[in-house]
Amino acid sequence: MNANIDAQDRDGKTALHNCILHGHYDLCRFLLENNANVNLKTNNGHSALVLSESVGNQKIQKLIKEFVNHSKTW
């Protein structure tokens, strides 16, 4: 069985969005390293980067920025 790593809940949040909101750095890294889409937005239009900035977790912000920049080079 294959799970959709980018599945969104009724609010448009993915597993990555929820990990960011709850400060789970290692799980954020795992999801990103397994091709979670860093550019998906919630129903409110919030990207992973915006969410990481809103919670103020600098370690996660740096991680998200690395993957946002990396995704732009593909």
PDB file of N, CA and C in Angstrom:
ATOM      1  N   MET A   1       0.842  -1.179   0.000  1.00  0.00           N
ATOM      2  CA  MET A   1       0.000   0.000   0.000  1.00  0.00           C
ATOM      3  C   MET A   1       0.883   1.235   0.000  1.00  0.00           C
ATOM      4  N   ASN A   2       0.560   2.180  -0.844  1.00  0.00           N
ATOM      5  CA  ASN A   2       1.295   3.437  -0.907  1.00  0.00           C
ATOM      6  C   ASN A   2       0.456   4.545  -0.296  1.00  0.00           C
ATOM      7  N   ALA A   3       1.041   5.261   0.644  1.00  0.00           N
ATOM      8  CA  ALA A   3       0.353   6.397   1.253  1.00  0.00           C
ATOM      9  C   ALA A   3       0.736   7.671   0.521  1.00  0.00           C
ATOM     10  N   ASN A   4      -0.176   8.609   0.468  1.00  0.00           N
ATOM     11  CA  ASN A   4       0.083   9.906  -0.149  1.00  0.00           C
ATOM     12  C   ASN A   4       0.707  10.821   0.897  1.00  0.00           C
ATOM     13  N   ILE A   5       1.998  11.086   0.766  1.00  0.00           N
ATOM     14  CA  ILE A   5       2.726  11.907   1.732  1.00  0.00           C
ATOM     15  C   ILE A   5       2.196  13.338   1.768  1.00  0.00           C
ATOM     16  N   ASP A   6       1.502  13.743   0.717  1.00  0.00           N
ATOM     17  CA  ASP A   6       0.976  15.104   0.618  1.00  0.00           C
ATOM     18  C   ASP A   6      -0.535  15.190   0.833  1.00  0.00           C
ATOM     19  N   ALA A   7      -1.124  14.139   1.406  1.00  0.00           N
ATOM     20  CA  ALA A   7      -2.566  14.164   1.673  1.00  0.00           C
ATOM     21  C   ALA A   7      -2.895  15.355   2.570  1.00  0.00           C
ATOM     22  N   GLN A   8      -4.017  15.998   2.275  1.00  0.00           N
ATOM     23  CA  GLN A   8      -4.423  17.178   3.026  1.00  0.00           C
ATOM     24  C   GLN A   8      -5.706  16.903   3.803  1.00  0.00           C
ATOM     25  N   ASP A   9      -5.782  17.460   5.015  1.00  0.00           N
ATOM     26  CA  ASP A   9      -6.989  17.319   5.826  1.00  0.00           C
ATOM     27  C   ASP A   9      -8.020  18.368   5.403  1.00  0.00           C
ATOM     28  N   ARG A  10      -9.111  18.472   6.122  1.00  0.00           N
ATOM     29  CA  ARG A  10     -10.186  19.395   5.721  1.00  0.00           C
ATOM     30  C   ARG A  10      -9.761  20.861   5.748  1.00  0.00           C
ATOM     31  N   ASP A  11      -8.659  21.155   6.459  1.00  0.00           N
ATOM     32  CA  ASP A  11      -8.119  22.515   6.508  1.00  0.00           C
ATOM     33  C   ASP A  11      -7.013  22.732   5.479  1.00  0.00           C
ATOM     34  N   GLY A  12      -6.743  21.681   4.700  1.00  0.00           N
ATOM     35  CA  GLY A  12      -5.696  21.769   3.689  1.00  0.00           C
ATOM     36  C   GLY A  12      -4.302  21.531   4.235  1.00  0.00           C
ATOM     37  N   LYS A  13      -4.206  21.099   5.485  1.00  0.00           N
ATOM     38  CA  LYS A  13      -2.895  20.852   6.092  1.00  0.00           C
ATOM     39  C   LYS A  13      -2.405  19.455   5.737  1.00  0.00           C
ATOM     40  N   THR A  14      -1.124  19.384   5.450  1.00  0.00           N
ATOM     41  CA  THR A  14      -0.467  18.106   5.193  1.00  0.00           C
ATOM     42  C   THR A  14       0.243  17.656   6.470  1.00  0.00           C
ATOM     43  N   ALA A  15       0.818  16.474   6.423  1.00  0.00           N
ATOM     44  CA  ALA A  15       1.626  16.003   7.551  1.00  0.00           C
ATOM     45  C   ALA A  15       2.764  16.986   7.819  1.00  0.00           C
ATOM     46  N   LEU A  16       3.359  17.522   6.755  1.00  0.00           N
ATOM     47  CA  LEU A  16       4.446  18.492   6.923  1.00  0.00           C
ATOM     48  C   LEU A  16       3.957  19.735   7.662  1.00  0.00           C
ATOM     49  N   HIS A  17       2.813  20.261   7.269  1.00  0.00           N
ATOM     50  CA  HIS A  17       2.269  21.443   7.948  1.00  0.00           C
ATOM     51  C   HIS A  17       2.069  21.161   9.437  1.00  0.00           C
ATOM     52  N   ASN A  18       1.501  20.011   9.761  1.00  0.00           N
ATOM     53  CA  ASN A  18       1.243  19.675  11.163  1.00  0.00           C
ATOM     54  C   ASN A  18       2.531  19.480  11.949  1.00  0.00           C
ATOM     55  N   CYS A  19       3.536  18.892  11.331  1.00  0.00           N
ATOM     56  CA  CYS A  19       4.825  18.727  12.010  1.00  0.00           C
ATOM     57  C   CYS A  19       5.465  20.077  12.306  1.00  0.00           C
ATOM     58  N   ILE A  20       5.349  20.994  11.372  1.00  0.00           N
ATOM     59  CA  ILE A  20       5.872  22.348  11.575  1.00  0.00           C
ATOM     60  C   ILE A  20       5.150  23.006  12.745  1.00  0.00           C
ATOM     61  N   LEU A  21       3.832  22.937  12.741  1.00  0.00           N
ATOM     62  CA  LEU A  21       3.037  23.587  13.783  1.00  0.00           C
ATOM     63  C   LEU A  21       3.317  23.028  15.172  1.00  0.00           C
ATOM     64  N   HIS A  22       3.717  21.762  15.234  1.00  0.00           N
ATOM     65  CA  HIS A  22       3.967  21.122  16.524  1.00  0.00           C
ATOM     66  C   HIS A  22       5.455  20.998  16.852  1.00  0.00           C
ATOM     67  N   GLY A  23       6.309  21.568  16.007  1.00  0.00           N
ATOM     68  CA  GLY A  23       7.738  21.628  16.299  1.00  0.00           C
ATOM     69  C   GLY A  23       8.495  20.323  16.164  1.00  0.00           C
ATOM     70  N   HIS A  24       8.028  19.418  15.321  1.00  0.00           N
ATOM     71  CA  HIS A  24       8.675  18.116  15.151  1.00  0.00           C
ATOM     72  C   HIS A  24       9.731  18.180  14.043  1.00  0.00           C
ATOM     73  N   TYR A  25      10.904  18.684  14.396  1.00  0.00           N
ATOM     74  CA  TYR A  25      11.979  18.893  13.425  1.00  0.00           C
ATOM     75  C   TYR A  25      12.358  17.608  12.695  1.00  0.00           C
ATOM     76  N   ASP A  26      12.619  16.538  13.447  1.00  0.00           N
ATOM     77  CA  ASP A  26      13.081  15.294  12.817  1.00  0.00           C
ATOM     78  C   ASP A  26      12.045  14.733  11.845  1.00  0.00           C
ATOM     79  N   LEU A  27      10.796  14.834  12.190  1.00  0.00           N
ATOM     80  CA  LEU A  27       9.746  14.346  11.295  1.00  0.00           C
ATOM     81  C   LEU A  27       9.605  15.255  10.074  1.00  0.00           C
ATOM     82  N   CYS A  28       9.784  16.564  10.263  1.00  0.00           N
ATOM     83  CA  CYS A  28       9.794  17.490   9.113  1.00  0.00           C
ATOM     84  C   CYS A  28      10.896  17.092   8.146  1.00  0.00           C
ATOM     85  N   ARG A  29      12.081  16.844   8.680  1.00  0.00           N
ATOM     86  CA  ARG A  29      13.212  16.454   7.836  1.00  0.00           C
ATOM     87  C   ARG A  29      12.899  15.151   7.103  1.00  0.00           C
ATOM     88  N   PHE A  30      12.357  14.176   7.820  1.00  0.00           N
ATOM     89  CA  PHE A  30      12.009  12.892   7.215  1.00  0.00           C
ATOM     90  C   PHE A  30      11.037  13.085   6.051  1.00  0.00           C
ATOM     91  N   LEU A  31       9.993  13.858   6.280  1.00  0.00           N
ATOM     92  CA  LEU A  31       8.994  14.087   5.230  1.00  0.00           C
ATOM     93  C   LEU A  31       9.608  14.782   4.021  1.00  0.00           C
ATOM     94  N   LEU A  32      10.421  15.791   4.265  1.00  0.00           N
ATOM     95  CA  LEU A  32      11.052  16.521   3.167  1.00  0.00           C
ATOM     96  C   LEU A  32      12.031  15.641   2.398  1.00  0.00           C
ATOM     97  N   GLU A  33      12.777  14.818   3.114  1.00  0.00           N
ATOM     98  CA  GLU A  33      13.726  13.917   2.451  1.00  0.00           C
ATOM     99  C   GLU A  33      13.008  12.831   1.655  1.00  0.00           C
ATOM    100  N   ASN A  34      11.731  12.636   1.953  1.00  0.00           N
ATOM    101  CA  ASN A  34      10.932  11.648   1.230  1.00  0.00           C
ATOM    102  C   ASN A  34       9.932  12.312   0.290  1.00  0.00           C
ATOM    103  N   ASN A  35      10.318  13.493  -0.172  1.00  0.00           N
ATOM    104  CA  ASN A  35       9.623  14.212  -1.246  1.00  0.00           C
ATOM    105  C   ASN A  35       8.272  14.810  -0.890  1.00  0.00           C
ATOM    106  N   ALA A  36       8.076  15.168   0.378  1.00  0.00           N
ATOM    107  CA  ALA A  36       6.872  15.935   0.705  1.00  0.00           C
ATOM    108  C   ALA A  36       6.945  17.258  -0.052  1.00  0.00           C
ATOM    109  N   ASN A  37       5.829  17.698  -0.560  1.00  0.00           N
ATOM    110  CA  ASN A  37       5.780  18.929  -1.349  1.00  0.00           C
ATOM    111  C   ASN A  37       5.820  20.142  -0.424  1.00  0.00           C
ATOM    112  N   VAL A  38       6.937  20.834  -0.432  1.00  0.00           N
ATOM    113  CA  VAL A  38       7.145  21.988   0.437  1.00  0.00           C
ATOM    114  C   VAL A  38       6.333  23.199  -0.017  1.00  0.00           C
ATOM    115  N   ASN A  39       5.794  23.154  -1.218  1.00  0.00           N
ATOM    116  CA  ASN A  39       5.080  24.306  -1.772  1.00  0.00           C
ATOM    117  C   ASN A  39       3.561  24.252  -1.607  1.00  0.00           C
ATOM    118  N   LEU A  40       3.020  23.144  -1.108  1.00  0.00           N
ATOM    119  CA  LEU A  40       1.567  23.063  -0.912  1.00  0.00           C
ATOM    120  C   LEU A  40       1.121  24.074   0.134  1.00  0.00           C
ATOM    121  N   LYS A  41      -0.075  24.616  -0.060  1.00  0.00           N
ATOM    122  CA  LYS A  41      -0.614  25.608   0.869  1.00  0.00           C
ATOM    123  C   LYS A  41      -1.874  25.074   1.537  1.00  0.00           C
ATOM    124  N   THR A  42      -2.105  25.557   2.748  1.00  0.00           N
ATOM    125  CA  THR A  42      -3.334  25.224   3.464  1.00  0.00           C
ATOM    126  C   THR A  42      -4.501  25.964   2.813  1.00  0.00           C
ATOM    127  N   ASN A  43      -5.708  25.681   3.269  1.00  0.00           N
ATOM    128  CA  ASN A  43      -6.883  26.384   2.745  1.00  0.00           C
ATOM    129  C   ASN A  43      -6.811  27.888   3.002  1.00  0.00           C
ATOM    130  N   ASN A  44      -6.035  28.278   4.008  1.00  0.00           N
ATOM    131  CA  ASN A  44      -5.852  29.699   4.317  1.00  0.00           C
ATOM    132  C   ASN A  44      -4.715  30.319   3.522  1.00  0.00           C
ATOM    133  N   GLY A  45      -4.102  29.532   2.630  1.00  0.00           N
ATOM    134  CA  GLY A  45      -3.032  30.049   1.786  1.00  0.00           C
ATOM    135  C   GLY A  45      -1.662  30.063   2.425  1.00  0.00           C
ATOM    136  N   HIS A  46      -1.483  29.320   3.519  1.00  0.00           N
ATOM    137  CA  HIS A  46      -0.201  29.299   4.219  1.00  0.00           C
ATOM    138  C   HIS A  46       0.683  28.159   3.722  1.00  0.00           C
ATOM    139  N   SER A  47       1.858  28.515   3.271  1.00  0.00           N
ATOM    140  CA  SER A  47       2.839  27.515   2.836  1.00  0.00           C
ATOM    141  C   SER A  47       3.609  27.004   4.052  1.00  0.00           C
ATOM    142  N   ALA A  48       4.419  25.991   3.835  1.00  0.00           N
ATOM    143  CA  ALA A  48       5.268  25.462   4.905  1.00  0.00           C
ATOM    144  C   ALA A  48       6.178  26.561   5.453  1.00  0.00           C
ATOM    145  N   LEU A  49       6.719  27.374   4.574  1.00  0.00           N
ATOM    146  CA  LEU A  49       7.615  28.446   5.012  1.00  0.00           C
ATOM    147  C   LEU A  49       6.873  29.467   5.868  1.00  0.00           C
ATOM    148  N   VAL A  50       5.692  29.861   5.442  1.00  0.00           N
ATOM    149  CA  VAL A  50       4.899  30.827   6.218  1.00  0.00           C
ATOM    150  C   VAL A  50       4.554  30.251   7.589  1.00  0.00           C
ATOM    151  N   LEU A  51       4.174  28.979   7.634  1.00  0.00           N
ATOM    152  CA  LEU A  51       3.851  28.353   8.918  1.00  0.00           C
ATOM    153  C   LEU A  51       5.074  28.294   9.823  1.00  0.00           C
ATOM    154  N   SER A  52       6.236  27.955   9.258  1.00  0.00           N
ATOM    155  CA  SER A  52       7.446  27.871  10.083  1.00  0.00           C
ATOM    156  C   SER A  52       7.814  29.242  10.641  1.00  0.00           C
ATOM    157  N   GLU A  53       7.582  30.281   9.864  1.00  0.00           N
ATOM    158  CA  GLU A  53       7.852  31.639  10.346  1.00  0.00           C
ATOM    159  C   GLU A  53       6.841  32.048  11.419  1.00  0.00           C
ATOM    160  N   SER A  54       5.599  31.610  11.279  1.00  0.00           N
ATOM    161  CA  SER A  54       4.563  32.003  12.244  1.00  0.00           C
ATOM    162  C   SER A  54       4.772  31.360  13.611  1.00  0.00           C
ATOM    163  N   VAL A  55       5.339  30.153  13.642  1.00  0.00           N
ATOM    164  CA  VAL A  55       5.574  29.504  14.939  1.00  0.00           C
ATOM    165  C   VAL A  55       6.917  29.908  15.538  1.00  0.00           C
ATOM    166  N   GLY A  56       7.791  30.490  14.735  1.00  0.00           N
ATOM    167  CA  GLY A  56       9.047  31.023  15.249  1.00  0.00           C
ATOM    168  C   GLY A  56      10.116  30.000  15.574  1.00  0.00           C
ATOM    169  N   ASN A  57       9.995  28.790  15.048  1.00  0.00           N
ATOM    170  CA  ASN A  57      11.015  27.768  15.282  1.00  0.00           C
ATOM    171  C   ASN A  57      12.112  27.949  14.232  1.00  0.00           C
ATOM    172  N   GLN A  58      13.222  28.564  14.639  1.00  0.00           N
ATOM    173  CA  GLN A  58      14.275  28.908  13.686  1.00  0.00           C
ATOM    174  C   GLN A  58      14.932  27.689  13.056  1.00  0.00           C
ATOM    175  N   LYS A  59      15.035  26.614  13.802  1.00  0.00           N
ATOM    176  CA  LYS A  59      15.639  25.395  13.258  1.00  0.00           C
ATOM    177  C   LYS A  59      14.776  24.843  12.118  1.00  0.00           C
ATOM    178  N   ILE A  60      13.479  24.811  12.319  1.00  0.00           N
ATOM    179  CA  ILE A  60      12.574  24.337  11.268  1.00  0.00           C
ATOM    180  C   ILE A  60      12.529  25.341  10.119  1.00  0.00           C
ATOM    181  N   GLN A  61      12.559  26.634  10.416  1.00  0.00           N
ATOM    182  CA  GLN A  61      12.581  27.656   9.359  1.00  0.00           C
ATOM    183  C   GLN A  61      13.764  27.435   8.430  1.00  0.00           C
ATOM    184  N   LYS A  62      14.926  27.212   9.015  1.00  0.00           N
ATOM    185  CA  LYS A  62      16.135  26.996   8.214  1.00  0.00           C
ATOM    186  C   LYS A  62      15.984  25.756   7.338  1.00  0.00           C
ATOM    187  N   LEU A  63      15.462  24.680   7.914  1.00  0.00           N
ATOM    188  CA  LEU A  63      15.244  23.442   7.167  1.00  0.00           C
ATOM    189  C   LEU A  63      14.288  23.673   5.996  1.00  0.00           C
ATOM    190  N   ILE A  64      13.178  24.323   6.258  1.00  0.00           N
ATOM    191  CA  ILE A  64      12.191  24.580   5.205  1.00  0.00           C
ATOM    192  C   ILE A  64      12.808  25.438   4.107  1.00  0.00           C
ATOM    193  N   LYS A  65      13.549  26.468   4.485  1.00  0.00           N
ATOM    194  CA  LYS A  65      14.185  27.343   3.490  1.00  0.00           C
ATOM    195  C   LYS A  65      15.151  26.564   2.605  1.00  0.00           C
ATOM    196  N   GLU A  66      15.887  25.623   3.194  1.00  0.00           N
ATOM    197  CA  GLU A  66      16.805  24.790   2.401  1.00  0.00           C
ATOM    198  C   GLU A  66      16.034  24.021   1.331  1.00  0.00           C
ATOM    199  N   PHE A  67      14.908  23.447   1.712  1.00  0.00           N
ATOM    200  CA  PHE A  67      14.134  22.651   0.764  1.00  0.00           C
ATOM    201  C   PHE A  67      13.370  23.514  -0.226  1.00  0.00           C
ATOM    202  N   VAL A  68      12.925  24.697   0.189  1.00  0.00           N
ATOM    203  CA  VAL A  68      12.274  25.620  -0.748  1.00  0.00           C
ATOM    204  C   VAL A  68      13.281  26.033  -1.806  1.00  0.00           C
ATOM    205  N   ASN A  69      14.472  26.407  -1.385  1.00  0.00           N
ATOM    206  CA  ASN A  69      15.510  26.814  -2.334  1.00  0.00           C
ATOM    207  C   ASN A  69      15.917  25.659  -3.231  1.00  0.00           C
ATOM    208  N   HIS A  70      15.998  24.461  -2.660  1.00  0.00           N
ATOM    209  CA  HIS A  70      16.374  23.281  -3.438  1.00  0.00           C
ATOM    210  C   HIS A  70      15.303  22.956  -4.477  1.00  0.00           C
ATOM    211  N   SER A  71      14.036  23.095  -4.094  1.00  0.00           N
ATOM    212  CA  SER A  71      12.952  22.765  -5.032  1.00  0.00           C
ATOM    213  C   SER A  71      12.918  23.730  -6.207  1.00  0.00           C
ATOM    214  N   LYS A  72      13.419  24.941  -6.032  1.00  0.00           N
ATOM    215  CA  LYS A  72      13.441  25.918  -7.118  1.00  0.00           C
ATOM    216  C   LYS A  72      14.513  25.608  -8.150  1.00  0.00           C
ATOM    217  N   THR A  73      15.476  24.757  -7.783  1.00  0.00           N
ATOM    218  CA  THR A  73      16.553  24.427  -8.719  1.00  0.00           C
ATOM    219  C   THR A  73      16.227  23.208  -9.563  1.00  0.00           C
ATOM    220  N   TRP A  74      15.101  22.532  -9.300  1.00  0.00           N
ATOM    221  CA  TRP A  74      14.736  21.331 -10.063  1.00  0.00           C
ATOM    222  C   TRP A  74      14.058  21.684 -11.333  1.00  0.00           C
TER     223      TRP A  74
END
